[in-house]
């Protein structure tokens, strides 16, 4: 699939004002199959979300984020992403064989995980 970020992650309907697309900058080009998003909330750090997802396989931070533990990506921080938002970052991508059903299943997994984490606190 050759998807742009907003099509790759059709979750604005699911997450409403809790999602921030970190890779949207006016006039900038983005990879058609990759995006960086944060689900906003105090218990929704990227590493915590990924460790609780059943289907989603993704990365935290930015593509050039080094193995710096659970600290926010310096790339996102230098791009103006606030620390608490960068800490929640997920880097999502699709491949040629990814279907809309695959994307929908991952969004549902992410929705369930966010609900679980929020209900735990």
C-alpha atoms as a PDB file:
ATOM      1  CA  UNK A   1       0.000   0.000   0.000  1.00  0.00           C
ATOM      2  CA  UNK A   2       1.233   3.480  -0.732  1.00  0.00           C
ATOM      3  CA  UNK A   3      -0.433   5.404   2.080  1.00  0.00           C
ATOM      4  CA  UNK A   4       0.095   8.847   3.523  1.00  0.00           C
ATOM      5  CA  UNK A   5       0.273   9.225   7.284  1.00  0.00           C
ATOM      6  CA  UNK A   6      -3.339  10.270   7.759  1.00  0.00           C
ATOM      7  CA  UNK A   7      -4.537   7.250   5.765  1.00  0.00           C
ATOM      8  CA  UNK A   8      -2.042   4.904   7.399  1.00  0.00           C
ATOM      9  CA  UNK A   9      -3.406   5.729  10.806  1.00  0.00           C
ATOM     10  CA  UNK A  10      -7.149   6.432  10.473  1.00  0.00           C
ATOM     11  CA  UNK A  11      -7.422   6.815  14.203  1.00  0.00           C
ATOM     12  CA  UNK A  12      -8.443  10.433  14.542  1.00  0.00           C
ATOM     13  CA  UNK A  13     -11.985   9.085  14.635  1.00  0.00           C
ATOM     14  CA  UNK A  14     -10.943   6.606  17.351  1.00  0.00           C
ATOM     15  CA  UNK A  15      -8.658   8.815  19.461  1.00  0.00           C
ATOM     16  CA  UNK A  16     -10.101  12.261  18.626  1.00  0.00           C
ATOM     17  CA  UNK A  17      -8.085  14.927  20.475  1.00  0.00           C
ATOM     18  CA  UNK A  18      -5.734  12.364  22.068  1.00  0.00           C
ATOM     19  CA  UNK A  19      -3.575  11.887  18.996  1.00  0.00           C
ATOM     20  CA  UNK A  20      -0.810  14.081  17.638  1.00  0.00           C
ATOM     21  CA  UNK A  21       0.841  13.490  14.287  1.00  0.00           C
ATOM     22  CA  UNK A  22       4.470  14.422  14.976  1.00  0.00           C
ATOM     23  CA  UNK A  23       5.543  14.157  11.343  1.00  0.00           C
ATOM     24  CA  UNK A  24       3.193  16.762   9.839  1.00  0.00           C
ATOM     25  CA  UNK A  25       5.007  19.961   8.976  1.00  0.00           C
ATOM     26  CA  UNK A  26       3.731  22.460   6.406  1.00  0.00           C
ATOM     27  CA  UNK A  27       5.734  22.202   3.212  1.00  0.00           C
ATOM     28  CA  UNK A  28       7.629  19.089   4.274  1.00  0.00           C
ATOM     29  CA  UNK A  29       7.696  15.788   2.464  1.00  0.00           C
ATOM     30  CA  UNK A  30       6.916  12.656   4.422  1.00  0.00           C
ATOM     31  CA  UNK A  31       7.456   9.026   3.577  1.00  0.00           C
ATOM     32  CA  UNK A  32       4.232   7.599   2.171  1.00  0.00           C
ATOM     33  CA  UNK A  33       4.404   4.469   4.344  1.00  0.00           C
ATOM     34  CA  UNK A  34       5.665   5.838   7.676  1.00  0.00           C
ATOM     35  CA  UNK A  35       4.425   8.232  10.311  1.00  0.00           C
ATOM     36  CA  UNK A  36       5.246   9.278  13.850  1.00  0.00           C
ATOM     37  CA  UNK A  37       2.348   9.748  16.259  1.00  0.00           C
ATOM     38  CA  UNK A  38       1.819  10.235  19.968  1.00  0.00           C
ATOM     39  CA  UNK A  39      -1.231   9.145  21.910  1.00  0.00           C
ATOM     40  CA  UNK A  40      -1.587  11.863  24.528  1.00  0.00           C
ATOM     41  CA  UNK A  41      -1.930  10.919  28.167  1.00  0.00           C
ATOM     42  CA  UNK A  42       0.242  10.599  31.271  1.00  0.00           C
ATOM     43  CA  UNK A  43       0.388   6.770  31.219  1.00  0.00           C
ATOM     44  CA  UNK A  44       0.686   6.346  27.451  1.00  0.00           C
ATOM     45  CA  UNK A  45       4.455   6.427  26.940  1.00  0.00           C
ATOM     46  CA  UNK A  46       5.418   4.694  23.713  1.00  0.00           C
ATOM     47  CA  UNK A  47       7.287   1.836  25.400  1.00  0.00           C
ATOM     48  CA  UNK A  48       4.359   1.187  27.758  1.00  0.00           C
ATOM     49  CA  UNK A  49       1.815   1.127  24.944  1.00  0.00           C
ATOM     50  CA  UNK A  50       3.921  -1.197  22.790  1.00  0.00           C
ATOM     51  CA  UNK A  51       4.601  -3.599  25.658  1.00  0.00           C
ATOM     52  CA  UNK A  52       0.845  -4.017  26.164  1.00  0.00           C
ATOM     53  CA  UNK A  53      -0.271  -4.298  22.530  1.00  0.00           C
ATOM     54  CA  UNK A  54      -1.110  -7.783  21.308  1.00  0.00           C
ATOM     55  CA  UNK A  55      -0.774  -7.197  17.534  1.00  0.00           C
ATOM     56  CA  UNK A  56       1.034  -3.922  16.961  1.00  0.00           C
ATOM     57  CA  UNK A  57       4.727  -4.161  16.155  1.00  0.00           C
ATOM     58  CA  UNK A  58       6.261  -0.698  15.996  1.00  0.00           C
ATOM     59  CA  UNK A  59       9.111   1.420  17.303  1.00  0.00           C
ATOM     60  CA  UNK A  60       9.303   4.340  19.678  1.00  0.00           C
ATOM     61  CA  UNK A  61      10.855   7.710  18.934  1.00  0.00           C
ATOM     62  CA  UNK A  62      12.163   8.706  15.530  1.00  0.00           C
ATOM     63  CA  UNK A  63      13.889   6.665  12.839  1.00  0.00           C
ATOM     64  CA  UNK A  64      17.304   7.926  13.900  1.00  0.00           C
ATOM     65  CA  UNK A  65      16.541   7.506  17.605  1.00  0.00           C
ATOM     66  CA  UNK A  66      19.384   5.671  19.279  1.00  0.00           C
ATOM     67  CA  UNK A  67      18.964   3.053  21.965  1.00  0.00           C
ATOM     68  CA  UNK A  68      18.659   5.622  24.732  1.00  0.00           C
ATOM     69  CA  UNK A  69      16.290   3.725  26.963  1.00  0.00           C
ATOM     70  CA  UNK A  70      12.896   5.278  27.535  1.00  0.00           C
ATOM     71  CA  UNK A  71      14.026   8.876  27.051  1.00  0.00           C
ATOM     72  CA  UNK A  72      12.259  10.885  24.336  1.00  0.00           C
ATOM     73  CA  UNK A  73      13.940  11.072  20.948  1.00  0.00           C
ATOM     74  CA  UNK A  74      16.291  14.039  20.646  1.00  0.00           C
ATOM     75  CA  UNK A  75      15.196  14.306  17.005  1.00  0.00           C
ATOM     76  CA  UNK A  76      11.568  14.865  17.996  1.00  0.00           C
ATOM     77  CA  UNK A  77      12.595  17.279  20.749  1.00  0.00           C
ATOM     78  CA  UNK A  78      14.755  19.325  18.363  1.00  0.00           C
ATOM     79  CA  UNK A  79      11.810  19.406  15.936  1.00  0.00           C
ATOM     80  CA  UNK A  80       9.752  21.217  18.550  1.00  0.00           C
ATOM     81  CA  UNK A  81       7.758  18.266  19.870  1.00  0.00           C
ATOM     82  CA  UNK A  82       7.180  18.812  23.620  1.00  0.00           C
ATOM     83  CA  UNK A  83       8.915  16.341  25.962  1.00  0.00           C
ATOM     84  CA  UNK A  84       5.697  14.791  27.276  1.00  0.00           C
ATOM     85  CA  UNK A  85       4.459  14.255  23.707  1.00  0.00           C
ATOM     86  CA  UNK A  86       7.795  12.879  22.436  1.00  0.00           C
ATOM     87  CA  UNK A  87       7.824  10.369  25.311  1.00  0.00           C
ATOM     88  CA  UNK A  88       4.602   8.884  23.923  1.00  0.00           C
ATOM     89  CA  UNK A  89       5.818   8.662  20.324  1.00  0.00           C
ATOM     90  CA  UNK A  90       5.242   5.623  18.141  1.00  0.00           C
ATOM     91  CA  UNK A  91       6.791   5.187  14.686  1.00  0.00           C
ATOM     92  CA  UNK A  92       4.366   3.277  12.479  1.00  0.00           C
ATOM     93  CA  UNK A  93       4.885   1.955   8.986  1.00  0.00           C
ATOM     94  CA  UNK A  94       3.236  -0.349   6.484  1.00  0.00           C
ATOM     95  CA  UNK A  95       4.649  -2.613   3.801  1.00  0.00           C
ATOM     96  CA  UNK A  96       3.548  -3.495   0.302  1.00  0.00           C
ATOM     97  CA  UNK A  97       1.422  -6.387   1.541  1.00  0.00           C
ATOM     98  CA  UNK A  98      -0.318  -4.440   4.329  1.00  0.00           C
ATOM     99  CA  UNK A  99      -4.092  -4.362   3.875  1.00  0.00           C
ATOM    100  CA  UNK A 100      -6.724  -1.986   5.203  1.00  0.00           C
ATOM    101  CA  UNK A 101      -7.888  -4.859   7.411  1.00  0.00           C
ATOM    102  CA  UNK A 102      -4.374  -5.098   8.881  1.00  0.00           C
ATOM    103  CA  UNK A 103      -4.401  -1.375   9.662  1.00  0.00           C
ATOM    104  CA  UNK A 104      -7.894  -1.613  11.185  1.00  0.00           C
ATOM    105  CA  UNK A 105      -6.786  -4.534  13.402  1.00  0.00           C
ATOM    106  CA  UNK A 106      -3.779  -2.573  14.665  1.00  0.00           C
ATOM    107  CA  UNK A 107      -5.886   0.527  15.371  1.00  0.00           C
ATOM    108  CA  UNK A 108      -8.301  -1.649  17.365  1.00  0.00           C
ATOM    109  CA  UNK A 109      -5.375  -3.220  19.267  1.00  0.00           C
ATOM    110  CA  UNK A 110      -4.051   0.241  20.032  1.00  0.00           C
ATOM    111  CA  UNK A 111      -7.491   1.472  21.132  1.00  0.00           C
ATOM    112  CA  UNK A 112      -7.898  -1.498  23.499  1.00  0.00           C
ATOM    113  CA  UNK A 113      -4.396  -0.987  24.913  1.00  0.00           C
ATOM    114  CA  UNK A 114      -4.945   2.731  25.532  1.00  0.00           C
ATOM    115  CA  UNK A 115      -8.241   1.977  27.274  1.00  0.00           C
ATOM    116  CA  UNK A 116      -6.574  -0.709  29.420  1.00  0.00           C
ATOM    117  CA  UNK A 117      -3.720   1.578  30.467  1.00  0.00           C
ATOM    118  CA  UNK A 118      -6.018   4.476  31.244  1.00  0.00           C
ATOM    119  CA  UNK A 119      -8.333   2.244  33.293  1.00  0.00           C
ATOM    120  CA  UNK A 120      -5.390   0.929  35.329  1.00  0.00           C
ATOM    121  CA  UNK A 121      -4.802   4.440  36.721  1.00  0.00           C
END
